[in-house]
Amino acid sequence: MNIFGIGPAELFLIGVVALLVFGPKKLPEIGRSLGKTLKSFQEASREFESELKREMDRAESPASTSMTATIEPPAQPALTSSEPATPVTPAEAEPAPVTKTNAVDSVDPV
């Protein structure tokens, strides 16, 4: 029986040293607290493992609603005349009107 690679002789020696260091009154308290710590660690490990498995199953299962993407052609503008539409280049488009403001005019007089 090996626990963490420690045999029965080494385990007995560790127990004797712990009994000498901590005394017979403190040793049961230390054992209890060590047991509680190991139990809480095992519970956290189990919880983490189950959460990880649940997420893996959720990721592998297909989505409940399937989504499909469709590409529709852009809508053509209605022509008002029988002439074919000619594209307007940015150079031919009317420039936006430029308004000039004076920085002095925008300041409130004191």
PDB file of N, CA and C in Angstrom:
ATOM      1  N   MET A   1       0.846  -1.168   0.000  1.00  0.00           N
ATOM      2  CA  MET A   1       0.000   0.000   0.000  1.00  0.00           C
ATOM      3  C   MET A   1       0.897   1.237   0.000  1.00  0.00           C
ATOM      4  N   ASN A   2       0.903   1.952  -1.115  1.00  0.00           N
ATOM      5  CA  ASN A   2       1.685   3.177  -1.239  1.00  0.00           C
ATOM      6  C   ASN A   2       0.748   4.360  -1.362  1.00  0.00           C
ATOM      7  N   ILE A   3       0.907   5.341  -0.502  1.00  0.00           N
ATOM      8  CA  ILE A   3       0.141   6.574  -0.554  1.00  0.00           C
ATOM      9  C   ILE A   3       1.123   7.675  -0.933  1.00  0.00           C
ATOM     10  N   PHE A   4       0.951   8.235  -2.127  1.00  0.00           N
ATOM     11  CA  PHE A   4       1.845   9.268  -2.660  1.00  0.00           C
ATOM     12  C   PHE A   4       3.290   8.782  -2.700  1.00  0.00           C
ATOM     13  N   GLY A   5       3.499   7.500  -2.935  1.00  0.00           N
ATOM     14  CA  GLY A   5       4.848   6.955  -3.010  1.00  0.00           C
ATOM     15  C   GLY A   5       5.484   6.747  -1.641  1.00  0.00           C
ATOM     16  N   ILE A   6       4.679   6.794  -0.582  1.00  0.00           N
ATOM     17  CA  ILE A   6       5.197   6.608   0.783  1.00  0.00           C
ATOM     18  C   ILE A   6       4.722   5.244   1.287  1.00  0.00           C
ATOM     19  N   GLY A   7       5.652   4.436   1.724  1.00  0.00           N
ATOM     20  CA  GLY A   7       5.317   3.112   2.237  1.00  0.00           C
ATOM     21  C   GLY A   7       4.856   3.169   3.683  1.00  0.00           C
ATOM     22  N   PRO A   8       4.480   2.004   4.255  1.00  0.00           N
ATOM     23  CA  PRO A   8       3.985   1.966   5.639  1.00  0.00           C
ATOM     24  C   PRO A   8       5.038   2.408   6.666  1.00  0.00           C
ATOM     25  N   ALA A   9       6.305   2.079   6.449  1.00  0.00           N
ATOM     26  CA  ALA A   9       7.354   2.454   7.409  1.00  0.00           C
ATOM     27  C   ALA A   9       7.535   3.973   7.445  1.00  0.00           C
ATOM     28  N   GLU A  10       7.555   4.593   6.262  1.00  0.00           N
ATOM     29  CA  GLU A  10       7.714   6.042   6.207  1.00  0.00           C
ATOM     30  C   GLU A  10       6.501   6.755   6.804  1.00  0.00           C
ATOM     31  N   LEU A  11       5.300   6.202   6.554  1.00  0.00           N
ATOM     32  CA  LEU A  11       4.075   6.783   7.097  1.00  0.00           C
ATOM     33  C   LEU A  11       4.073   6.719   8.628  1.00  0.00           C
ATOM     34  N   PHE A  12       4.535   5.599   9.179  1.00  0.00           N
ATOM     35  CA  PHE A  12       4.630   5.453  10.644  1.00  0.00           C
ATOM     36  C   PHE A  12       5.625   6.454  11.222  1.00  0.00           C
ATOM     37  N   LEU A  13       6.758   6.640  10.567  1.00  0.00           N
ATOM     38  CA  LEU A  13       7.767   7.587  11.034  1.00  0.00           C
ATOM     39  C   LEU A  13       7.224   9.019  11.006  1.00  0.00           C
ATOM     40  N   ILE A  14       6.480   9.376   9.958  1.00  0.00           N
ATOM     41  CA  ILE A  14       5.884  10.717   9.879  1.00  0.00           C
ATOM     42  C   ILE A  14       4.877  10.904  11.010  1.00  0.00           C
ATOM     43  N   GLY A  15       4.088   9.879  11.303  1.00  0.00           N
ATOM     44  CA  GLY A  15       3.114   9.949  12.405  1.00  0.00           C
ATOM     45  C   GLY A  15       3.788  10.149  13.749  1.00  0.00           C
ATOM     46  N   VAL A  16       4.897   9.445  14.014  1.00  0.00           N
ATOM     47  CA  VAL A  16       5.627   9.593  15.276  1.00  0.00           C
ATOM     48  C   VAL A  16       6.204  10.995  15.402  1.00  0.00           C
ATOM     49  N   VAL A  17       6.775  11.528  14.316  1.00  0.00           N
ATOM     50  CA  VAL A  17       7.343  12.877  14.355  1.00  0.00           C
ATOM     51  C   VAL A  17       6.238  13.902  14.589  1.00  0.00           C
ATOM     52  N   ALA A  18       5.088  13.725  13.933  1.00  0.00           N
ATOM     53  CA  ALA A  18       3.967  14.645  14.132  1.00  0.00           C
ATOM     54  C   ALA A  18       3.465  14.579  15.570  1.00  0.00           C
ATOM     55  N   LEU A  19       3.431  13.385  16.163  1.00  0.00           N
ATOM     56  CA  LEU A  19       3.003  13.239  17.563  1.00  0.00           C
ATOM     57  C   LEU A  19       3.966  13.953  18.501  1.00  0.00           C
ATOM     58  N   LEU A  20       5.266  13.880  18.222  1.00  0.00           N
ATOM     59  CA  LEU A  20       6.243  14.566  19.056  1.00  0.00           C
ATOM     60  C   LEU A  20       6.169  16.087  18.888  1.00  0.00           C
ATOM     61  N   VAL A  21       5.937  16.553  17.675  1.00  0.00           N
ATOM     62  CA  VAL A  21       5.928  17.990  17.410  1.00  0.00           C
ATOM     63  C   VAL A  21       4.651  18.634  17.932  1.00  0.00           C
ATOM     64  N   PHE A  22       3.485  18.060  17.616  1.00  0.00           N
ATOM     65  CA  PHE A  22       2.213  18.699  17.950  1.00  0.00           C
ATOM     66  C   PHE A  22       1.627  18.234  19.277  1.00  0.00           C
ATOM     67  N   GLY A  23       2.004  17.069  19.760  1.00  0.00           N
ATOM     68  CA  GLY A  23       1.471  16.561  21.021  1.00  0.00           C
ATOM     69  C   GLY A  23       0.194  15.760  20.810  1.00  0.00           C
ATOM     70  N   PRO A  24      -0.174  14.954  21.813  1.00  0.00           N
ATOM     71  CA  PRO A  24      -1.334  14.074  21.659  1.00  0.00           C
ATOM     72  C   PRO A  24      -2.668  14.826  21.649  1.00  0.00           C
ATOM     73  N   LYS A  25      -2.744  16.042  22.194  1.00  0.00           N
ATOM     74  CA  LYS A  25      -4.013  16.776  22.223  1.00  0.00           C
ATOM     75  C   LYS A  25      -4.307  17.474  20.899  1.00  0.00           C
ATOM     76  N   LYS A  26      -3.290  17.962  20.230  1.00  0.00           N
ATOM     77  CA  LYS A  26      -3.481  18.699  18.976  1.00  0.00           C
ATOM     78  C   LYS A  26      -3.573  17.789  17.754  1.00  0.00           C
ATOM     79  N   LEU A  27      -3.036  16.586  17.826  1.00  0.00           N
ATOM     80  CA  LEU A  27      -2.983  15.704  16.664  1.00  0.00           C
ATOM     81  C   LEU A  27      -4.365  15.342  16.110  1.00  0.00           C
ATOM     82  N   PRO A  28      -5.379  15.002  16.949  1.00  0.00           N
ATOM     83  CA  PRO A  28      -6.711  14.722  16.383  1.00  0.00           C
ATOM     84  C   PRO A  28      -7.337  15.941  15.699  1.00  0.00           C
ATOM     85  N   GLU A  29      -7.119  17.130  16.243  1.00  0.00           N
ATOM     86  CA  GLU A  29      -7.649  18.349  15.627  1.00  0.00           C
ATOM     87  C   GLU A  29      -7.019  18.578  14.252  1.00  0.00           C
ATOM     88  N   ILE A  30      -5.728  18.367  14.160  1.00  0.00           N
ATOM     89  CA  ILE A  30      -5.021  18.537  12.891  1.00  0.00           C
ATOM     90  C   ILE A  30      -5.515  17.502  11.877  1.00  0.00           C
ATOM     91  N   GLY A  31      -5.726  16.278  12.332  1.00  0.00           N
ATOM     92  CA  GLY A  31      -6.240  15.229  11.445  1.00  0.00           C
ATOM     93  C   GLY A  31      -7.633  15.560  10.929  1.00  0.00           C
ATOM     94  N   ARG A  32      -8.496  16.074  11.815  1.00  0.00           N
ATOM     95  CA  ARG A  32      -9.851  16.462  11.408  1.00  0.00           C
ATOM     96  C   ARG A  32      -9.826  17.581  10.371  1.00  0.00           C
ATOM     97  N   SER A  33      -9.023  18.595  10.647  1.00  0.00           N
ATOM     98  CA  SER A  33      -8.965  19.720   9.709  1.00  0.00           C
ATOM     99  C   SER A  33      -8.358  19.282   8.368  1.00  0.00           C
ATOM    100  N   LEU A  34      -7.385  18.381   8.406  1.00  0.00           N
ATOM    101  CA  LEU A  34      -6.806  17.864   7.169  1.00  0.00           C
ATOM    102  C   LEU A  34      -7.844  17.054   6.393  1.00  0.00           C
ATOM    103  N   GLY A  35      -8.650  16.264   7.099  1.00  0.00           N
ATOM    104  CA  GLY A  35      -9.708  15.487   6.462  1.00  0.00           C
ATOM    105  C   GLY A  35     -10.767  16.375   5.828  1.00  0.00           C
ATOM    106  N   LYS A  36     -11.167  17.441   6.539  1.00  0.00           N
ATOM    107  CA  LYS A  36     -12.155  18.380   5.983  1.00  0.00           C
ATOM    108  C   LYS A  36     -11.615  19.079   4.749  1.00  0.00           C
ATOM    109  N   THR A  37     -10.345  19.439   4.787  1.00  0.00           N
ATOM    110  CA  THR A  37      -9.729  20.094   3.644  1.00  0.00           C
ATOM    111  C   THR A  37      -9.701  19.177   2.432  1.00  0.00           C
ATOM    112  N   LEU A  38      -9.316  17.910   2.640  1.00  0.00           N
ATOM    113  CA  LEU A  38      -9.298  16.957   1.530  1.00  0.00           C
ATOM    114  C   LEU A  38     -10.694  16.708   0.983  1.00  0.00           C
ATOM    115  N   LYS A  39     -11.699  16.643   1.868  1.00  0.00           N
ATOM    116  CA  LYS A  39     -13.077  16.418   1.432  1.00  0.00           C
ATOM    117  C   LYS A  39     -13.572  17.591   0.584  1.00  0.00           C
ATOM    118  N   SER A  40     -13.305  18.820   1.022  1.00  0.00           N
ATOM    119  CA  SER A  40     -13.747  19.985   0.248  1.00  0.00           C
ATOM    120  C   SER A  40     -13.019  20.057  -1.092  1.00  0.00           C
ATOM    121  N   PHE A  41     -11.753  19.650  -1.114  1.00  0.00           N
ATOM    122  CA  PHE A  41     -11.004  19.619  -2.363  1.00  0.00           C
ATOM    123  C   PHE A  41     -11.603  18.590  -3.320  1.00  0.00           C
ATOM    124  N   GLN A  42     -11.978  17.424  -2.810  1.00  0.00           N
ATOM    125  CA  GLN A  42     -12.599  16.399  -3.653  1.00  0.00           C
ATOM    126  C   GLN A  42     -13.945  16.874  -4.201  1.00  0.00           C
ATOM    127  N   GLU A  43     -14.752  17.550  -3.376  1.00  0.00           N
ATOM    128  CA  GLU A  43     -16.047  18.060  -3.831  1.00  0.00           C
ATOM    129  C   GLU A  43     -15.871  19.105  -4.930  1.00  0.00           C
ATOM    130  N   ALA A  44     -14.902  19.991  -4.739  1.00  0.00           N
ATOM    131  CA  ALA A  44     -14.646  21.018  -5.755  1.00  0.00           C
ATOM    132  C   ALA A  44     -14.158  20.374  -7.053  1.00  0.00           C
ATOM    133  N   SER A  45     -13.340  19.347  -6.923  1.00  0.00           N
ATOM    134  CA  SER A  45     -12.839  18.652  -8.102  1.00  0.00           C
ATOM    135  C   SER A  45     -13.974  17.952  -8.841  1.00  0.00           C
ATOM    136  N   ARG A  46     -14.876  17.305  -8.100  1.00  0.00           N
ATOM    137  CA  ARG A  46     -16.026  16.643  -8.727  1.00  0.00           C
ATOM    138  C   ARG A  46     -16.938  17.654  -9.414  1.00  0.00           C
ATOM    139  N   GLU A  47     -17.170  18.788  -8.751  1.00  0.00           N
ATOM    140  CA  GLU A  47     -18.026  19.824  -9.319  1.00  0.00           C
ATOM    141  C   GLU A  47     -17.418  20.383 -10.608  1.00  0.00           C
ATOM    142  N   PHE A  48     -16.121  20.627 -10.593  1.00  0.00           N
ATOM    143  CA  PHE A  48     -15.434  21.136 -11.781  1.00  0.00           C
ATOM    144  C   PHE A  48     -15.513  20.128 -12.918  1.00  0.00           C
ATOM    145  N   GLU A  49     -15.312  18.851 -12.602  1.00  0.00           N
ATOM    146  CA  GLU A  49     -15.361  17.807 -13.614  1.00  0.00           C
ATOM    147  C   GLU A  49     -16.758  17.693 -14.229  1.00  0.00           C
ATOM    148  N   SER A  50     -17.803  17.742 -13.393  1.00  0.00           N
ATOM    149  CA  SER A  50     -19.174  17.634 -13.914  1.00  0.00           C
ATOM    150  C   SER A  50     -19.534  18.860 -14.758  1.00  0.00           C
ATOM    151  N   GLU A  51     -19.098  20.038 -14.341  1.00  0.00           N
ATOM    152  CA  GLU A  51     -19.358  21.257 -15.116  1.00  0.00           C
ATOM    153  C   GLU A  51     -18.654  21.191 -16.469  1.00  0.00           C
ATOM    154  N   LEU A  52     -17.431  20.718 -16.470  1.00  0.00           N
ATOM    155  CA  LEU A  52     -16.674  20.585 -17.711  1.00  0.00           C
ATOM    156  C   LEU A  52     -17.344  19.573 -18.636  1.00  0.00           C
ATOM    157  N   LYS A  53     -17.799  18.448 -18.093  1.00  0.00           N
ATOM    158  CA  LYS A  53     -18.466  17.436 -18.905  1.00  0.00           C
ATOM    159  C   LYS A  53     -19.789  17.978 -19.457  1.00  0.00           C
ATOM    160  N   ARG A  54     -20.536  18.711 -18.641  1.00  0.00           N
ATOM    161  CA  ARG A  54     -21.805  19.294 -19.081  1.00  0.00           C
ATOM    162  C   ARG A  54     -21.583  20.269 -20.238  1.00  0.00           C
ATOM    163  N   GLU A  55     -20.566  21.100 -20.149  1.00  0.00           N
ATOM    164  CA  GLU A  55     -20.278  22.061 -21.215  1.00  0.00           C
ATOM    165  C   GLU A  55     -19.797  21.362 -22.485  1.00  0.00           C
ATOM    166  N   MET A  56     -19.035  20.284 -22.328  1.00  0.00           N
ATOM    167  CA  MET A  56     -18.575  19.526 -23.495  1.00  0.00           C
ATOM    168  C   MET A  56     -19.762  18.882 -24.202  1.00  0.00           C
ATOM    169  N   ASP A  57     -20.698  18.322 -23.438  1.00  0.00           N
ATOM    170  CA  ASP A  57     -21.894  17.713 -24.026  1.00  0.00           C
ATOM    171  C   ASP A  57     -22.745  18.773 -24.719  1.00  0.00           C
ATOM    172  N   ARG A  58     -22.835  19.930 -24.092  1.00  0.00           N
ATOM    173  CA  ARG A  58     -23.627  21.020 -24.664  1.00  0.00           C
ATOM    174  C   ARG A  58     -23.017  21.515 -25.973  1.00  0.00           C
ATOM    175  N   ALA A  59     -21.692  21.559 -26.034  1.00  0.00           N
ATOM    176  CA  ALA A  59     -21.017  22.021 -27.244  1.00  0.00           C
ATOM    177  C   ALA A  59     -21.134  20.994 -28.364  1.00  0.00           C
ATOM    178  N   GLU A  60     -21.168  19.701 -28.032  1.00  0.00           N
ATOM    179  CA  GLU A  60     -21.258  18.656 -29.050  1.00  0.00           C
ATOM    180  C   GLU A  60     -22.670  18.487 -29.587  1.00  0.00           C
ATOM    181  N   SER A  61     -23.681  18.787 -28.775  1.00  0.00           N
ATOM    182  CA  SER A  61     -25.054  18.591 -29.229  1.00  0.00           C
ATOM    183  C   SER A  61     -25.417  19.672 -30.246  1.00  0.00           C
ATOM    184  N   PRO A  62     -26.230  19.308 -31.251  1.00  0.00           N
ATOM    185  CA  PRO A  62     -26.610  20.305 -32.253  1.00  0.00           C
ATOM    186  C   PRO A  62     -27.529  21.349 -31.633  1.00  0.00           C
ATOM    187  N   ALA A  63     -27.522  22.513 -32.223  1.00  0.00           N
ATOM    188  CA  ALA A  63     -28.353  23.608 -31.715  1.00  0.00           C
ATOM    189  C   ALA A  63     -29.821  23.244 -31.889  1.00  0.00           C
ATOM    190  N   SER A  64     -30.669  23.695 -30.961  1.00  0.00           N
ATOM    191  CA  SER A  64     -32.089  23.364 -31.032  1.00  0.00           C
ATOM    192  C   SER A  64     -32.778  24.077 -32.186  1.00  0.00           C
ATOM    193  N   THR A  65     -32.330  25.237 -32.541  1.00  0.00           N
ATOM    194  CA  THR A  65     -32.902  25.938 -33.688  1.00  0.00           C
ATOM    195  C   THR A  65     -31.807  26.101 -34.726  1.00  0.00           C
ATOM    196  N   SER A  66     -32.111  25.690 -35.931  1.00  0.00           N
ATOM    197  CA  SER A  66     -31.112  25.818 -36.979  1.00  0.00           C
ATOM    198  C   SER A  66     -31.251  27.186 -37.626  1.00  0.00           C
ATOM    199  N   MET A  67     -30.133  27.784 -37.892  1.00  0.00           N
ATOM    200  CA  MET A  67     -30.125  29.103 -38.504  1.00  0.00           C
ATOM    201  C   MET A  67     -29.506  28.966 -39.884  1.00  0.00           C
ATOM    202  N   THR A  68     -30.173  29.542 -40.894  1.00  0.00           N
ATOM    203  CA  THR A  68     -29.638  29.516 -42.243  1.00  0.00           C
ATOM    204  C   THR A  68     -29.480  30.945 -42.726  1.00  0.00           C
ATOM    205  N   ALA A  69     -28.435  31.169 -43.454  1.00  0.00           N
ATOM    206  CA  ALA A  69     -28.171  32.502 -43.991  1.00  0.00           C
ATOM    207  C   ALA A  69     -28.541  32.519 -45.460  1.00  0.00           C
ATOM    208  N   THR A  70     -29.229  33.550 -45.873  1.00  0.00           N
ATOM    209  CA  THR A  70     -29.567  33.714 -47.280  1.00  0.00           C
ATOM    210  C   THR A  70     -29.056  35.058 -47.744  1.00  0.00           C
ATOM    211  N   ILE A  71     -28.585  35.081 -48.964  1.00  0.00           N
ATOM    212  CA  ILE A  71     -28.069  36.322 -49.538  1.00  0.00           C
ATOM    213  C   ILE A  71     -29.060  36.778 -50.596  1.00  0.00           C
ATOM    214  N   GLU A  72     -29.596  37.956 -50.405  1.00  0.00           N
ATOM    215  CA  GLU A  72     -30.546  38.506 -51.356  1.00  0.00           C
ATOM    216  C   GLU A  72     -29.849  39.576 -52.170  1.00  0.00           C
ATOM    217  N   PRO A  73     -30.176  39.663 -53.473  1.00  0.00           N
ATOM    218  CA  PRO A  73     -29.547  40.704 -54.292  1.00  0.00           C
ATOM    219  C   PRO A  73     -30.067  42.068 -53.866  1.00  0.00           C
ATOM    220  N   PRO A  74     -29.257  43.114 -54.036  1.00  0.00           N
ATOM    221  CA  PRO A  74     -29.706  44.451 -53.645  1.00  0.00           C
ATOM    222  C   PRO A  74     -30.890  44.900 -54.494  1.00  0.00           C
ATOM    223  N   ALA A  75     -31.784  45.665 -53.917  1.00  0.00           N
ATOM    224  CA  ALA A  75     -32.971  46.142 -54.625  1.00  0.00           C
ATOM    225  C   ALA A  75     -32.554  47.180 -55.663  1.00  0.00           C
ATOM    226  N   GLN A  76     -33.154  47.092 -56.861  1.00  0.00           N
ATOM    227  CA  GLN A  76     -32.862  48.032 -57.930  1.00  0.00           C
ATOM    228  C   GLN A  76     -33.779  49.240 -57.793  1.00  0.00           C
ATOM    229  N   PRO A  77     -33.260  50.472 -57.924  1.00  0.00           N
ATOM    230  CA  PRO A  77     -34.127  51.651 -57.848  1.00  0.00           C
ATOM    231  C   PRO A  77     -35.027  51.722 -59.086  1.00  0.00           C
ATOM    232  N   ALA A  78     -36.223  52.200 -58.892  1.00  0.00           N
ATOM    233  CA  ALA A  78     -37.178  52.319 -60.000  1.00  0.00           C
ATOM    234  C   ALA A  78     -36.768  53.480 -60.893  1.00  0.00           C
ATOM    235  N   LEU A  79     -36.793  53.250 -62.209  1.00  0.00           N
ATOM    236  CA  LEU A  79     -36.442  54.302 -63.165  1.00  0.00           C
ATOM    237  C   LEU A  79     -37.700  55.059 -63.556  1.00  0.00           C
ATOM    238  N   THR A  80     -37.619  56.398 -63.625  1.00  0.00           N
ATOM    239  CA  THR A  80     -38.780  57.213 -63.987  1.00  0.00           C
ATOM    240  C   THR A  80     -38.879  57.449 -65.482  1.00  0.00           C
ATOM    241  N   SER A  81     -37.786  57.289 -66.196  1.00  0.00           N
ATOM    242  CA  SER A  81     -37.831  57.497 -67.649  1.00  0.00           C
ATOM    243  C   SER A  81     -37.411  56.215 -68.342  1.00  0.00           C
ATOM    244  N   SER A  82     -37.517  56.205 -69.638  1.00  0.00           N
ATOM    245  CA  SER A  82     -37.171  55.007 -70.396  1.00  0.00           C
ATOM    246  C   SER A  82     -35.680  54.932 -70.685  1.00  0.00           C
ATOM    247  N   GLU A  83     -34.933  55.992 -70.294  1.00  0.00           N
ATOM    248  CA  GLU A  83     -33.497  56.001 -70.541  1.00  0.00           C
ATOM    249  C   GLU A  83     -32.795  55.132 -69.507  1.00  0.00           C
ATOM    250  N   PRO A  84     -31.730  54.457 -69.889  1.00  0.00           N
ATOM    251  CA  PRO A  84     -30.991  53.641 -68.913  1.00  0.00           C
ATOM    252  C   PRO A  84     -30.299  54.551 -67.897  1.00  0.00           C
ATOM    253  N   ALA A  85     -30.211  54.069 -66.694  1.00  0.00           N
ATOM    254  CA  ALA A  85     -29.584  54.850 -65.625  1.00  0.00           C
ATOM    255  C   ALA A  85     -28.077  54.863 -65.814  1.00  0.00           C
ATOM    256  N   THR A  86     -27.473  56.030 -65.609  1.00  0.00           N
ATOM    257  CA  THR A  86     -26.022  56.145 -65.692  1.00  0.00           C
ATOM    258  C   THR A  86     -25.499  56.373 -64.288  1.00  0.00           C
ATOM    259  N   PRO A  87     -24.463  55.661 -63.911  1.00  0.00           N
ATOM    260  CA  PRO A  87     -23.937  55.849 -62.564  1.00  0.00           C
ATOM    261  C   PRO A  87     -23.305  57.226 -62.398  1.00  0.00           C
ATOM    262  N   VAL A  88     -23.468  57.798 -61.227  1.00  0.00           N
ATOM    263  CA  VAL A  88     -22.903  59.107 -60.933  1.00  0.00           C
ATOM    264  C   VAL A  88     -21.616  58.890 -60.160  1.00  0.00           C
ATOM    265  N   THR A  89     -20.545  59.457 -60.651  1.00  0.00           N
ATOM    266  CA  THR A  89     -19.271  59.342 -59.968  1.00  0.00           C
ATOM    267  C   THR A  89     -19.189  60.424 -58.901  1.00  0.00           C
ATOM    268  N   PRO A  90     -18.371  60.240 -57.910  1.00  0.00           N
ATOM    269  CA  PRO A  90     -18.261  61.260 -56.862  1.00  0.00           C
ATOM    270  C   PRO A  90     -17.822  62.619 -57.391  1.00  0.00           C
ATOM    271  N   ALA A  91     -17.061  62.669 -58.480  1.00  0.00           N
ATOM    272  CA  ALA A  91     -16.622  63.948 -59.032  1.00  0.00           C
ATOM    273  C   ALA A  91     -17.796  64.705 -59.642  1.00  0.00           C
ATOM    274  N   GLU A  92     -18.792  63.999 -60.193  1.00  0.00           N
ATOM    275  CA  GLU A  92     -19.940  64.641 -60.814  1.00  0.00           C
ATOM    276  C   GLU A  92     -20.996  65.058 -59.802  1.00  0.00           C
ATOM    277  N   ALA A  93     -20.979  64.488 -58.633  1.00  0.00           N
ATOM    278  CA  ALA A  93     -21.992  64.810 -57.629  1.00  0.00           C
ATOM    279  C   ALA A  93     -21.787  66.242 -57.144  1.00  0.00           C
ATOM    280  N   GLU A  94     -22.873  66.888 -56.719  1.00  0.00           N
ATOM    281  CA  GLU A  94     -22.789  68.254 -56.227  1.00  0.00           C
ATOM    282  C   GLU A  94     -22.062  68.278 -54.891  1.00  0.00           C
ATOM    283  N   PRO A  95     -21.139  69.215 -54.740  1.00  0.00           N
ATOM    284  CA  PRO A  95     -20.463  69.294 -53.443  1.00  0.00           C
ATOM    285  C   PRO A  95     -21.399  69.890 -52.395  1.00  0.00           C
ATOM    286  N   ALA A  96     -21.156  69.538 -51.172  1.00  0.00           N
ATOM    287  CA  ALA A  96     -21.966  70.069 -50.081  1.00  0.00           C
ATOM    288  C   ALA A  96     -21.657  71.542 -49.909  1.00  0.00           C
ATOM    289  N   PRO A  97     -22.664  72.369 -49.585  1.00  0.00           N
ATOM    290  CA  PRO A  97     -22.398  73.803 -49.411  1.00  0.00           C
ATOM    291  C   PRO A  97     -21.479  74.029 -48.210  1.00  0.00           C
ATOM    292  N   VAL A  98     -20.549  74.939 -48.376  1.00  0.00           N
ATOM    293  CA  VAL A  98     -19.583  75.247 -47.333  1.00  0.00           C
ATOM    294  C   VAL A  98     -20.011  76.539 -46.665  1.00  0.00           C
ATOM    295  N   THR A  99     -20.117  76.495 -45.356  1.00  0.00           N
ATOM    296  CA  THR A  99     -20.451  77.720 -44.625  1.00  0.00           C
ATOM    297  C   THR A  99     -19.232  78.135 -43.834  1.00  0.00           C
ATOM    298  N   LYS A 100     -18.994  79.421 -43.856  1.00  0.00           N
ATOM    299  CA  LYS A 100     -17.816  79.936 -43.172  1.00  0.00           C
ATOM    300  C   LYS A 100     -18.280  80.671 -41.925  1.00  0.00           C
ATOM    301  N   THR A 101     -17.718  80.310 -40.801  1.00  0.00           N
ATOM    302  CA  THR A 101     -18.058  81.017 -39.554  1.00  0.00           C
ATOM    303  C   THR A 101     -16.815  81.669 -39.014  1.00  0.00           C
ATOM    304  N   ASN A 102     -17.018  82.768 -38.394  1.00  0.00           N
ATOM    305  CA  ASN A 102     -15.915  83.482 -37.804  1.00  0.00           C
ATOM    306  C   ASN A 102     -15.827  83.075 -36.335  1.00  0.00           C
ATOM    307  N   ALA A 103     -14.664  82.769 -35.876  1.00  0.00           N
ATOM    308  CA  ALA A 103     -14.488  82.320 -34.497  1.00  0.00           C
ATOM    309  C   ALA A 103     -14.842  83.425 -33.513  1.00  0.00           C
ATOM    310  N   VAL A 104     -14.653  84.660 -33.891  1.00  0.00           N
ATOM    311  CA  VAL A 104     -14.951  85.784 -33.008  1.00  0.00           C
ATOM    312  C   VAL A 104     -16.464  85.931 -32.819  1.00  0.00           C
ATOM    313  N   ASP A 105     -17.240  85.651 -33.898  1.00  0.00           N
ATOM    314  CA  ASP A 105     -18.683  85.786 -33.820  1.00  0.00           C
ATOM    315  C   ASP A 105     -19.324  84.784 -32.866  1.00  0.00           C
ATOM    316  N   SER A 106     -18.691  83.621 -32.717  1.00  0.00           N
ATOM    317  CA  SER A 106     -19.286  82.597 -31.890  1.00  0.00           C
ATOM    318  C   SER A 106     -19.011  82.774 -30.400  1.00  0.00           C
ATOM    319  N   VAL A 107     -18.161  83.728 -30.030  1.00  0.00           N
ATOM    320  CA  VAL A 107     -17.836  83.939 -28.618  1.00  0.00           C
ATOM    321  C   VAL A 107     -18.820  84.965 -28.060  1.00  0.00           C
ATOM    322  N   ASP A 108     -19.373  84.687 -26.896  1.00  0.00           N
ATOM    323  CA  ASP A 108     -20.307  85.621 -26.261  1.00  0.00           C
ATOM    324  C   ASP A 108     -19.547  86.824 -25.715  1.00  0.00           C
ATOM    325  N   PRO A 109     -20.091  88.047 -25.935  1.00  0.00           N
ATOM    326  CA  PRO A 109     -19.399  89.228 -25.382  1.00  0.00           C
ATOM    327  C   PRO A 109     -19.549  89.241 -23.850  1.00  0.00           C
ATOM    328  N   VAL A 110     -18.573  89.765 -23.217  1.00  0.00           N
ATOM    329  CA  VAL A 110     -18.566  89.795 -21.758  1.00  0.00           C
ATOM    330  C   VAL A 110     -19.218  91.036 -21.222  1.00  0.00           C
TER     331      VAL A 110
END
